[in-house]
């Protein structure tokens, strides 16, 4: 039974090495989504709770903030219409 558990743990460790970059990209995308409750503060809280590296977290949270700012700027100027329906009726 012990050998089986060690085999599973070793397999999980090997696979988790490839996910190290994915967790930071996930953090960046979470911060980049322009919805209430997502943002730099919440991203920093998540990074602290999950004990991510500070320098990498800072970098990816910063990228997420820049992406969110770009998305909201384009939405504000009408370049992209995230919240508006496709057809607006004129009265």
C-alpha atoms as a PDB file:
ATOM      1  CA  UNK A   1       0.000   0.000   0.000  1.00  0.00           C
ATOM      2  CA  UNK A   2       2.862   2.402   0.840  1.00  0.00           C
ATOM      3  CA  UNK A   3       4.505   1.838  -2.549  1.00  0.00           C
ATOM      4  CA  UNK A   4       1.239   2.620  -4.309  1.00  0.00           C
ATOM      5  CA  UNK A   5       0.873   5.918  -2.422  1.00  0.00           C
ATOM      6  CA  UNK A   6       4.508   6.860  -3.129  1.00  0.00           C
ATOM      7  CA  UNK A   7       3.974   6.106  -6.807  1.00  0.00           C
ATOM      8  CA  UNK A   8       0.939   8.396  -6.906  1.00  0.00           C
ATOM      9  CA  UNK A   9       2.812  11.165  -5.049  1.00  0.00           C
ATOM     10  CA  UNK A  10       5.795  10.978  -7.412  1.00  0.00           C
ATOM     11  CA  UNK A  11       3.482  11.100 -10.404  1.00  0.00           C
ATOM     12  CA  UNK A  12       1.699  14.132  -8.987  1.00  0.00           C
ATOM     13  CA  UNK A  13       5.001  15.925  -8.337  1.00  0.00           C
ATOM     14  CA  UNK A  14       6.142  15.339 -11.920  1.00  0.00           C
ATOM     15  CA  UNK A  15       2.902  16.712 -13.316  1.00  0.00           C
ATOM     16  CA  UNK A  16       2.800  19.686 -10.957  1.00  0.00           C
ATOM     17  CA  UNK A  17       6.114  21.002 -12.282  1.00  0.00           C
ATOM     18  CA  UNK A  18       4.474  21.741 -15.625  1.00  0.00           C
ATOM     19  CA  UNK A  19       1.593  23.551 -13.951  1.00  0.00           C
ATOM     20  CA  UNK A  20       3.807  26.095 -12.208  1.00  0.00           C
ATOM     21  CA  UNK A  21       3.512  28.568 -15.078  1.00  0.00           C
ATOM     22  CA  UNK A  22      -0.163  27.787 -15.522  1.00  0.00           C
ATOM     23  CA  UNK A  23      -1.035  28.899 -12.019  1.00  0.00           C
ATOM     24  CA  UNK A  24       0.472  32.329 -12.647  1.00  0.00           C
ATOM     25  CA  UNK A  25      -1.329  32.650 -15.973  1.00  0.00           C
ATOM     26  CA  UNK A  26      -4.547  31.711 -14.184  1.00  0.00           C
ATOM     27  CA  UNK A  27      -3.838  34.411 -11.594  1.00  0.00           C
ATOM     28  CA  UNK A  28      -3.260  36.941 -14.388  1.00  0.00           C
ATOM     29  CA  UNK A  29      -6.512  36.002 -16.132  1.00  0.00           C
ATOM     30  CA  UNK A  30      -8.425  36.197 -12.854  1.00  0.00           C
ATOM     31  CA  UNK A  31      -7.136  39.724 -12.277  1.00  0.00           C
ATOM     32  CA  UNK A  32      -7.774  40.696 -15.919  1.00  0.00           C
ATOM     33  CA  UNK A  33     -11.495  39.843 -15.826  1.00  0.00           C
ATOM     34  CA  UNK A  34     -13.311  43.155 -15.334  1.00  0.00           C
ATOM     35  CA  UNK A  35     -15.945  42.024 -12.831  1.00  0.00           C
ATOM     36  CA  UNK A  36     -16.538  43.128  -9.235  1.00  0.00           C
ATOM     37  CA  UNK A  37     -14.468  41.079  -6.828  1.00  0.00           C
ATOM     38  CA  UNK A  38     -11.687  40.402  -9.287  1.00  0.00           C
ATOM     39  CA  UNK A  39      -8.691  42.665  -9.395  1.00  0.00           C
ATOM     40  CA  UNK A  40      -5.274  43.347  -7.974  1.00  0.00           C
ATOM     41  CA  UNK A  41      -6.271  43.207  -4.302  1.00  0.00           C
ATOM     42  CA  UNK A  42      -8.101  39.918  -4.648  1.00  0.00           C
ATOM     43  CA  UNK A  43      -5.324  38.517  -6.833  1.00  0.00           C
ATOM     44  CA  UNK A  44      -2.751  39.467  -4.197  1.00  0.00           C
ATOM     45  CA  UNK A  45      -4.868  37.801  -1.517  1.00  0.00           C
ATOM     46  CA  UNK A  46      -5.108  34.618  -3.578  1.00  0.00           C
ATOM     47  CA  UNK A  47      -1.359  34.650  -4.255  1.00  0.00           C
ATOM     48  CA  UNK A  48      -0.635  35.077  -0.540  1.00  0.00           C
ATOM     49  CA  UNK A  49      -3.052  32.340   0.525  1.00  0.00           C
ATOM     50  CA  UNK A  50      -1.667  29.893  -2.032  1.00  0.00           C
ATOM     51  CA  UNK A  51       1.911  30.935  -1.172  1.00  0.00           C
ATOM     52  CA  UNK A  52       2.979  31.910  -4.685  1.00  0.00           C
ATOM     53  CA  UNK A  53       6.354  33.545  -5.270  1.00  0.00           C
ATOM     54  CA  UNK A  54       6.078  37.271  -4.613  1.00  0.00           C
ATOM     55  CA  UNK A  55       8.061  38.526  -7.601  1.00  0.00           C
ATOM     56  CA  UNK A  56       6.229  36.352 -10.126  1.00  0.00           C
ATOM     57  CA  UNK A  57       2.879  37.153  -8.525  1.00  0.00           C
ATOM     58  CA  UNK A  58       3.597  40.883  -8.688  1.00  0.00           C
ATOM     59  CA  UNK A  59       4.525  40.611 -12.365  1.00  0.00           C
ATOM     60  CA  UNK A  60       1.466  38.576 -13.373  1.00  0.00           C
ATOM     61  CA  UNK A  61      -0.931  40.654 -11.274  1.00  0.00           C
ATOM     62  CA  UNK A  62       0.496  43.759 -12.955  1.00  0.00           C
ATOM     63  CA  UNK A  63      -0.083  42.228 -16.398  1.00  0.00           C
ATOM     64  CA  UNK A  64      -3.632  41.366 -15.377  1.00  0.00           C
ATOM     65  CA  UNK A  65      -4.287  44.956 -14.301  1.00  0.00           C
ATOM     66  CA  UNK A  66      -2.933  46.257 -17.623  1.00  0.00           C
ATOM     67  CA  UNK A  67      -5.159  43.839 -19.570  1.00  0.00           C
ATOM     68  CA  UNK A  68      -8.208  44.818 -17.500  1.00  0.00           C
ATOM     69  CA  UNK A  69      -7.468  48.504 -18.066  1.00  0.00           C
ATOM     70  CA  UNK A  70      -7.134  47.954 -21.822  1.00  0.00           C
ATOM     71  CA  UNK A  71     -10.393  45.983 -21.989  1.00  0.00           C
ATOM     72  CA  UNK A  72     -12.323  48.591 -20.009  1.00  0.00           C
ATOM     73  CA  UNK A  73     -10.835  51.451 -22.026  1.00  0.00           C
ATOM     74  CA  UNK A  74     -11.830  49.815 -25.293  1.00  0.00           C
ATOM     75  CA  UNK A  75     -15.303  49.085 -23.919  1.00  0.00           C
ATOM     76  CA  UNK A  76     -15.692  52.698 -22.746  1.00  0.00           C
ATOM     77  CA  UNK A  77     -14.788  54.088 -26.151  1.00  0.00           C
ATOM     78  CA  UNK A  78     -17.020  51.603 -27.946  1.00  0.00           C
ATOM     79  CA  UNK A  79     -14.224  49.726 -29.673  1.00  0.00           C
ATOM     80  CA  UNK A  80     -15.585  46.525 -28.180  1.00  0.00           C
ATOM     81  CA  UNK A  81     -19.114  46.138 -26.922  1.00  0.00           C
ATOM     82  CA  UNK A  82     -18.988  43.719 -24.024  1.00  0.00           C
ATOM     83  CA  UNK A  83     -22.048  44.899 -22.183  1.00  0.00           C
ATOM     84  CA  UNK A  84     -24.178  46.368 -24.972  1.00  0.00           C
ATOM     85  CA  UNK A  85     -26.493  44.196 -27.049  1.00  0.00           C
ATOM     86  CA  UNK A  86     -25.651  43.760 -30.723  1.00  0.00           C
ATOM     87  CA  UNK A  87     -28.696  45.640 -31.948  1.00  0.00           C
ATOM     88  CA  UNK A  88     -29.867  48.819 -30.309  1.00  0.00           C
ATOM     89  CA  UNK A  89     -33.260  50.130 -31.354  1.00  0.00           C
ATOM     90  CA  UNK A  90     -33.627  53.843 -31.957  1.00  0.00           C
ATOM     91  CA  UNK A  91     -36.768  55.505 -30.683  1.00  0.00           C
END
